Protein backbone atom coordinates (compact mmCIF):
# COMPACT_ATOMS: atom_id res chain seq x y z
CA MET A 1 -0.13 0.06 0.05
CA ASN A 2 1.38 3.53 -0.94
CA ILE A 3 1.20 5.59 2.35
CA LYS A 4 3.27 8.30 0.96
CA GLY A 5 2.29 11.56 2.52
CA TYR A 6 -0.20 9.97 4.72
CA VAL A 7 -1.39 12.23 7.51
CA ARG A 8 -3.38 10.98 10.38
CA THR A 9 -6.74 12.77 10.97
CA LEU A 10 -7.96 13.01 14.49
CA PRO A 11 -11.65 12.47 14.95
CA THR A 12 -12.03 14.60 17.86
CA VAL A 13 -9.84 17.27 19.61
CA ASN A 14 -9.14 16.70 23.42
CA LEU A 15 -9.93 20.23 24.60
CA GLY A 16 -8.92 19.18 28.11
CA SER A 17 -5.34 18.45 26.96
CA GLN A 18 -5.26 21.53 25.06
CA ARG A 19 -5.77 23.57 28.04
CA ALA A 20 -3.34 21.76 30.09
CA LEU A 21 -0.16 23.89 30.71
CA SER A 22 2.17 20.96 29.73
CA TYR A 23 0.36 20.76 26.46
CA ARG A 24 0.70 24.39 25.84
CA LEU A 25 4.19 24.15 26.49
CA HIS A 26 4.66 21.18 24.22
CA LEU A 27 5.80 18.84 27.03
CA ASP A 28 4.64 15.26 27.72
CA LEU A 29 4.00 15.34 31.30
CA PRO A 30 4.44 11.57 32.20
CA LEU A 31 7.59 11.40 30.10
CA LEU A 32 8.91 14.56 31.69
CA LEU A 33 8.25 13.12 35.30
CA MET A 34 10.03 9.76 34.57
CA LEU A 35 13.12 11.53 32.87
CA THR A 36 13.32 13.73 35.95
CA LEU A 37 13.26 10.78 38.37
CA LEU A 38 15.72 8.93 36.39
CA MET A 39 18.20 11.81 36.51
CA PHE A 40 17.69 12.63 40.25
CA ALA A 41 18.44 8.99 40.74
CA GLY A 42 21.60 9.33 38.56
CA LEU A 43 22.75 12.36 40.78
CA VAL A 44 22.42 10.35 43.90
CA VAL A 45 24.44 7.45 42.60
CA LEU A 46 27.02 9.87 41.09
CA TYR A 47 27.55 11.35 44.71
CA SER A 48 28.42 7.96 45.94
CA ALA A 49 30.39 6.79 43.07
CA THR A 50 32.57 10.00 43.33
CA GLY A 51 33.05 9.54 47.25
CA GLY A 52 30.82 12.43 48.07
CA ASN A 53 32.35 14.81 45.82
CA VAL A 54 30.03 17.75 45.62
CA GLU A 55 31.68 19.38 42.82
CA PHE A 56 30.97 16.53 40.37
CA VAL A 57 27.28 16.51 41.36
CA GLN A 58 27.08 20.43 40.84
CA ARG A 59 28.72 20.06 37.48
CA GLN A 60 26.44 17.40 36.35
CA GLY A 61 23.47 19.34 37.67
CA ILE A 62 24.41 22.16 35.47
CA ARG A 63 24.62 19.86 32.58
CA ILE A 64 21.13 18.47 33.31
CA LEU A 65 19.56 21.98 33.29
CA VAL A 66 21.20 22.64 29.92
CA ALA A 67 19.97 19.30 28.63
CA PHE A 68 16.41 20.30 29.86
CA GLY A 69 16.72 23.43 28.09
CA ALA A 70 17.59 21.64 24.77
CA MET A 71 14.64 19.36 25.26
CA PHE A 72 12.21 22.27 25.89
CA ALA A 73 13.64 24.11 22.82
CA LEU A 74 13.23 21.36 20.48
CA ALA A 75 9.69 20.34 21.66
CA GLN A 76 8.53 23.69 20.55
CA PHE A 77 9.22 22.91 17.02
CA ASP A 78 6.71 21.27 14.74
CA PRO A 79 7.95 18.01 13.39
CA ARG A 80 7.46 19.40 10.00
CA THR A 81 10.19 22.00 10.81
CA ILE A 82 12.46 19.50 11.99
CA GLN A 83 11.81 17.47 8.85
CA ARG A 84 12.93 20.51 6.87
CA TRP A 85 16.11 21.00 8.81
CA GLY A 86 17.03 17.44 9.12
CA GLY A 87 19.19 17.45 6.04
CA VAL A 88 21.03 20.66 7.14
CA ALA A 89 21.77 19.15 10.37
CA TYR A 90 22.97 15.98 8.69
CA LEU A 91 25.39 17.70 6.22
CA GLY A 92 26.53 19.96 9.11
CA GLY A 93 27.50 16.95 11.19
CA LEU A 94 29.43 15.39 8.38
CA VAL A 95 31.55 18.67 8.05
CA LEU A 96 32.17 18.50 11.79
CA LEU A 97 33.22 14.82 11.71
CA VAL A 98 35.66 15.63 8.78
CA ALA A 99 36.85 18.79 11.09
CA VAL A 100 37.50 16.29 13.95
CA LEU A 101 39.82 14.15 11.71
CA LEU A 102 41.73 17.28 10.69
CA TYR A 103 41.74 19.33 13.91
CA GLY A 104 40.11 17.36 16.71
CA THR A 105 41.58 17.16 20.23
CA THR A 106 43.15 13.70 21.02
CA VAL A 107 42.37 12.17 24.44
CA ASN A 108 43.61 8.71 25.49
CA GLY A 109 44.54 7.94 21.91
CA ALA A 110 41.14 8.85 20.49
CA GLN A 111 40.64 12.00 18.34
CA ARG A 112 36.91 12.62 19.07
CA TRP A 113 36.43 16.23 20.21
CA LEU A 114 36.45 19.70 18.69
CA ARG A 115 37.58 22.45 21.04
CA ILE A 116 36.47 26.14 20.70
CA PRO A 117 39.10 27.68 22.94
CA GLY A 118 37.58 29.36 26.12
CA VAL A 119 34.00 28.35 24.74
CA ILE A 120 33.22 24.58 24.70
CA THR A 121 34.81 21.19 23.93
CA PHE A 122 32.07 18.83 22.33
CA GLN A 123 31.88 15.49 20.47
CA PRO A 124 30.34 16.09 16.98
CA ALA A 125 29.71 12.32 16.72
CA GLU A 126 26.78 12.81 19.33
CA VAL A 127 25.06 15.31 16.94
CA MET A 128 24.72 12.43 14.27
CA LYS A 129 22.74 10.31 16.85
CA LEU A 130 19.85 12.67 16.17
CA ALA A 131 20.94 13.76 12.51
CA VAL A 132 21.08 10.22 11.10
CA PRO A 133 17.60 9.03 11.99
CA ALA A 134 16.22 12.43 11.16
CA MET A 135 17.91 12.29 7.73
CA VAL A 136 16.84 8.66 7.05
CA ALA A 137 13.33 9.33 8.16
CA TRP A 138 12.98 12.39 5.76
CA TYR A 139 14.18 10.40 2.92
CA LEU A 140 12.11 7.33 3.44
CA ALA A 141 8.88 9.52 4.32
CA ARG A 142 9.18 11.19 0.75
CA ASN A 143 8.85 7.86 -1.03
CA GLU A 144 6.49 4.88 -1.03
CA LEU A 145 6.52 2.52 2.06
CA PRO A 146 7.41 -0.18 2.38
CA PRO A 147 10.71 1.03 0.85
CA ARG A 148 11.82 -0.43 -2.32
CA PHE A 149 15.35 -1.95 -2.85
CA LYS A 150 16.86 1.45 -4.38
CA HIS A 151 15.36 3.51 -1.60
CA LEU A 152 16.97 0.98 0.95
CA CYS A 153 20.31 1.43 -0.81
CA VAL A 154 20.23 5.16 -0.51
CA ALA A 155 19.27 5.02 3.24
CA LEU A 156 21.91 2.58 3.98
CA LEU A 157 24.55 4.92 2.36
CA LEU A 158 23.20 7.84 4.42
CA ILE A 159 24.05 5.79 7.44
CA VAL A 160 27.41 4.30 6.31
CA VAL A 161 29.09 7.48 5.48
CA PRO A 162 28.92 9.11 8.94
CA THR A 163 29.68 5.59 10.49
CA LEU A 164 32.94 5.22 8.63
CA LEU A 165 34.12 8.78 9.66
CA ILE A 166 33.44 8.01 13.22
CA LEU A 167 35.34 4.67 12.96
CA GLN A 168 38.24 6.61 11.98
CA GLN A 169 38.35 8.45 15.36
CA PRO A 170 38.17 5.61 16.49
CA ASP A 171 34.88 5.08 18.40
CA LEU A 172 33.47 1.62 17.86
CA GLY A 173 30.54 2.30 20.50
CA THR A 174 29.22 5.51 18.87
CA SER A 175 29.51 4.06 15.39
CA LEU A 176 27.35 1.00 16.41
CA LEU A 177 24.71 3.33 17.72
CA ILE A 178 24.73 5.51 14.74
CA ILE A 179 24.22 2.22 12.66
CA SER A 180 21.43 1.21 15.13
CA SER A 181 19.69 4.70 14.89
CA GLY A 182 19.33 4.50 11.11
CA VAL A 183 18.64 0.83 10.76
CA PHE A 184 15.78 1.09 13.26
CA VAL A 185 14.19 3.81 11.01
CA ILE A 186 14.28 1.67 8.15
CA PHE A 187 12.93 -1.36 10.08
CA LEU A 188 9.95 0.82 11.16
CA ALA A 189 9.29 1.82 7.75
CA GLY A 190 8.30 -1.77 6.84
CA MET A 191 11.44 -3.35 5.55
CA SER A 192 10.66 -6.81 4.31
CA TRP A 193 11.83 -9.76 6.57
CA TRP A 194 13.73 -11.09 3.45
CA TYR A 195 15.90 -7.90 3.64
CA ILE A 196 16.27 -8.29 7.57
CA THR A 197 17.42 -11.90 7.17
CA ALA A 198 19.84 -11.10 4.24
CA GLY A 199 21.13 -8.11 6.17
CA LEU A 200 21.82 -10.27 9.29
CA LEU A 201 23.43 -13.03 7.36
CA GLY A 202 25.50 -10.36 5.57
CA ALA A 203 26.67 -8.85 8.89
CA ALA A 204 27.65 -12.24 10.17
CA ALA A 205 29.55 -13.09 7.00
CA SER A 206 31.39 -9.83 7.09
CA PHE A 207 32.71 -10.01 10.55
CA PRO A 208 35.95 -11.99 9.50
CA LEU A 209 36.68 -8.74 7.26
CA LEU A 210 35.98 -6.52 10.13
CA TRP A 211 38.28 -8.44 12.44
CA LEU A 212 40.95 -8.44 9.82
CA PHE A 213 40.84 -5.01 8.24
CA VAL A 214 38.78 -2.61 10.52
CA LEU A 215 38.98 -3.47 14.28
CA ARG A 216 42.09 -2.20 15.95
CA ASP A 217 44.11 -4.38 18.39
CA TYR A 218 42.51 -2.98 21.48
CA GLN A 219 39.05 -3.36 20.15
CA LYS A 220 39.92 -7.15 19.30
CA GLN A 221 41.17 -7.59 22.88
CA ARG A 222 38.03 -6.38 24.22
CA ILE A 223 35.92 -8.80 22.37
CA LEU A 224 38.51 -11.40 23.49
CA THR A 225 38.23 -10.37 27.17
CA MET A 226 34.40 -10.76 27.07
CA PHE A 227 34.96 -14.44 26.65
CA ASP A 228 37.68 -14.88 29.01
CA PRO A 229 38.47 -11.86 31.38
CA GLU A 230 40.61 -14.06 33.51
CA GLN A 231 43.27 -14.39 30.96
CA ASP A 232 44.66 -10.87 32.08
CA ARG A 233 42.92 -10.09 35.14
CA LEU A 234 45.35 -7.34 36.07
CA GLY A 235 45.13 -5.68 32.55
CA SER A 236 42.33 -5.84 30.16
CA GLY A 237 40.30 -8.14 32.31
CA TRP A 238 40.35 -5.87 35.44
CA ASN A 239 37.35 -3.71 34.86
CA ILE A 240 34.97 -6.74 33.85
CA ILE A 241 36.24 -8.65 36.93
CA GLN A 242 35.87 -5.68 39.37
CA SER A 243 32.47 -4.89 37.89
CA LYS A 244 31.00 -8.39 37.99
CA THR A 245 32.23 -8.63 41.62
CA ALA A 246 30.39 -5.39 42.58
CA ILE A 247 27.16 -6.50 40.95
CA GLY A 248 27.34 -10.03 42.41
CA SER A 249 28.33 -8.63 46.03
CA GLY A 250 25.12 -6.45 46.10
CA GLY A 251 22.79 -9.27 46.66
CA TRP A 252 19.18 -8.63 47.01
CA ASP A 253 19.15 -5.09 48.68
CA GLY A 254 22.74 -4.12 48.53
CA LYS A 255 25.23 -3.10 50.77
CA GLY A 256 23.84 0.40 51.53
CA PHE A 257 24.42 4.02 50.32
CA MET A 258 28.10 4.76 49.99
CA GLU A 259 28.91 1.52 51.50
CA GLY A 260 30.06 -0.37 48.33
CA THR A 261 33.66 -1.76 48.76
CA GLN A 262 34.43 -2.08 45.18
CA SER A 263 33.53 1.62 44.39
CA GLN A 264 34.43 3.47 47.56
CA LEU A 265 37.86 1.83 47.67
CA ASP A 266 38.58 2.61 44.00
CA PHE A 267 38.64 -1.05 42.87
CA LEU A 268 36.08 -0.32 40.03
CA PRO A 269 37.48 2.02 37.35
CA GLU A 270 35.26 4.53 35.56
CA SER A 271 32.82 4.21 38.57
CA HIS A 272 31.14 7.55 37.82
CA THR A 273 30.90 7.27 33.99
CA ASP A 274 30.60 3.97 32.10
CA PHE A 275 30.57 1.62 35.03
CA ILE A 276 28.20 3.65 37.29
CA VAL A 277 25.54 0.97 37.08
CA ALA A 278 27.92 -1.39 38.92
CA VAL A 279 27.98 1.07 41.97
CA LEU A 280 24.13 1.09 41.98
CA ALA A 281 24.03 -2.69 41.71
CA GLU A 282 26.50 -3.09 44.63
CA GLU A 283 24.97 -0.51 47.05
CA PHE A 284 21.23 -0.96 46.12
CA GLY A 285 21.22 -4.71 44.95
CA LEU A 286 19.07 -6.52 42.77
CA LEU A 287 16.06 -4.40 43.98
CA GLY A 288 17.67 -1.25 42.82
CA MET A 289 18.58 -2.57 39.51
CA LEU A 290 14.96 -3.78 38.88
CA LEU A 291 13.61 -0.44 39.86
CA LEU A 292 16.15 1.24 37.36
CA LEU A 293 15.43 -1.08 34.46
CA THR A 294 11.68 -0.74 35.01
CA LEU A 295 12.10 3.10 34.88
CA TYR A 296 13.93 2.74 31.68
CA LEU A 297 11.21 0.37 30.21
CA ALA A 298 8.48 2.67 31.19
CA ILE A 299 10.32 5.60 29.36
CA SER A 300 10.74 3.49 26.31
CA ALA A 301 7.17 2.28 26.41
CA ARG A 302 5.75 5.86 26.64
CA CYS A 303 7.91 6.96 23.63
CA LEU A 304 6.70 4.13 21.51
CA MET A 305 3.12 5.09 22.40
CA ILE A 306 3.77 8.60 21.36
CA ALA A 307 5.50 7.35 18.01
CA ILE A 308 2.52 5.12 17.27
CA GLY A 309 0.15 8.18 17.69
CA GLY A 310 2.24 10.44 15.56
CA ARG A 311 0.54 12.66 13.02
CA ASP A 312 2.53 11.69 9.91
CA THR A 313 5.08 9.16 8.61
CA PHE A 314 8.05 11.26 9.27
CA GLY A 315 7.26 11.73 12.92
CA ARG A 316 6.31 8.28 13.62
CA LEU A 317 9.41 6.97 12.04
CA LEU A 318 11.68 9.43 13.72
CA ALA A 319 10.25 8.98 17.32
CA GLY A 320 10.23 5.23 16.96
CA GLY A 321 13.90 5.14 15.68
CA LEU A 322 14.97 7.64 18.69
CA THR A 323 13.14 5.39 21.17
CA LEU A 324 14.73 2.11 19.94
CA VAL A 325 18.28 3.73 20.06
CA PHE A 326 17.51 4.77 23.70
CA PHE A 327 16.75 1.23 24.58
CA ILE A 328 19.76 -0.06 22.82
CA TYR A 329 21.97 2.56 24.70
CA VAL A 330 20.64 0.98 28.06
CA PHE A 331 21.01 -2.59 26.77
CA VAL A 332 24.62 -2.04 25.55
CA ASN A 333 25.87 -0.31 28.73
CA VAL A 334 24.15 -2.92 31.11
CA GLY A 335 25.41 -5.70 29.04
CA MET A 336 29.00 -4.52 28.87
CA VAL A 337 29.22 -3.77 32.51
CA SER A 338 27.84 -7.22 33.32
CA GLY A 339 30.12 -8.89 30.94
CA ILE A 340 27.72 -10.32 28.26
CA LEU A 341 28.90 -7.65 25.64
CA PRO A 342 32.47 -6.27 24.93
CA VAL A 343 33.46 -2.95 26.53
CA VAL A 344 32.76 -0.31 23.89
CA GLY A 345 32.60 2.96 26.10
CA VAL A 346 28.80 3.61 26.18
CA PRO A 347 27.75 5.67 29.00
CA LEU A 348 24.38 4.51 31.03
CA PRO A 349 21.67 7.04 29.43
CA LEU A 350 21.02 10.03 31.76
CA VAL A 351 22.73 8.58 34.64
CA SER A 352 26.70 8.46 33.79
CA TYR A 353 28.66 11.46 34.28
CA GLY A 354 29.10 13.64 31.04
CA GLY A 355 27.77 16.53 29.21
CA THR A 356 27.45 15.88 25.48
CA SER A 357 25.70 12.57 25.77
CA ILE A 358 23.06 13.87 28.26
CA VAL A 359 22.37 16.98 26.19
CA THR A 360 21.92 14.95 23.14
CA LEU A 361 19.55 12.40 24.59
CA MET A 362 17.45 14.93 26.08
CA ALA A 363 17.31 16.79 22.75
CA GLY A 364 15.93 13.59 21.29
CA PHE A 365 13.26 13.42 23.85
CA GLY A 366 12.44 17.00 22.98
CA ILE A 367 11.70 15.83 19.31
CA ILE A 368 9.70 12.99 20.84
CA MET A 369 7.66 15.36 22.73
CA SER A 370 7.22 17.44 19.64
CA VAL A 371 5.52 14.55 17.89
CA ALA A 372 3.38 14.10 20.94
CA THR A 373 2.11 17.69 21.13
CA HIS A 374 1.99 18.80 17.58
CA LYS A 375 -0.92 16.74 16.37
CA ASN A 376 -3.59 19.30 15.32
CA VAL A 377 -3.33 20.30 11.75
C-alpha cells in the first residue's frame, strides 16, 4: 500500500489536553516526570560513585539543566520544521566529523572532540545520533512505504558515510549506535523480513573482514576479554572482573548507600561514567537494578506510544527510531558492565557523568515530545 504523504486525521480534539499547561508548553508530562526521576537517581548514585564529591554533582546538575533546556527548545518546533532542517543538520554533522579528523583534540589515543578555545569542547559524533535518524526518516517518508530496494540502498548509504568517519576517530561504540539509529528507522518503515534476514546474514559473514581490516588491536582485545576476562585479570580483564564482583556482592538489597567496597575503595575503574551501574547494583542490590530497569522500560514504552500516535510518517519513524536507540543504549551499557557484551565505552543514559551525551539524549526526547504535542493540523 502506498502511504506516501499519509497524514493521520484525528476524529476529535481533546480540549482538556489543549488547556493543560504541559500541552501548551509542548511537554509530555508522564515522560517529563520519568526523565526527571531518572536523572535525580543518577545524581544520587554519582554522589556515591565520586566518594561524596559535591563538585562533580554540581557540574552534572548544570549539564542536566542545559539538557532540559535543549529538550524544551526542540519540543517547541513542529515535526515538519524538524523534517525540513534534518538534512541541514546531517550535512553539518558530516562537516564537523571531517573537522574532527583534521583538527580534533586527542584524548587517550582517540581523536573525537572539537575544542573552541575558551568556549566549549564537544563531540560532534553525538550530533549524528539525532541527525542520522532524522535524515533517514526524511528520505523514506518522501517515498513509498515499505521502501523499495533502491530506496534501501540510499538509506544505507546515508548511514554508512558518518559511521565510517566515526570509526576513523576511533569510536566503535558510537559508530554502532549510529548504525542502529538509522537501521531502526528503516525497520519501522516496513522493511521486508527477507531484507532483514539477508542483512543479518551479511553482517555475520562480514565479521571476519571487520576483524582483519577494520577493528584495531585494543578493540579485538576487548572482544576476547568478554569471553575470558581471567586471561589478563590485572590488565584488560580488570574492569569486567571488578564490575561483576560489585554486581554480585550487592545481593538482593545491596550493601547500603556509599557502603560499596568495590566503588568506595577505588577497585572499580570509571565508576562515575561507563561503570556507574555497577555502583548502583553493589549499593542498592537487585532491587535497585529492577527499579532502574523498570524506569527505563517505562520511558521506552511511553515513547513508543507517542511514536504510534504520531501525526505523519516522518514523525512516527523518527520518534520510533530515537526510542529504540535509547533502549539499545541501555542494553549495551548494562550488557558490557555485566560482561555479556564487549566494553565499547557507552555511558548509561541520563545517569553516567558527562555532558554531550546527556544533552543529545534530552534533545532527542524533545523531538519525541514535539511529535506528541503537535498533532492538530
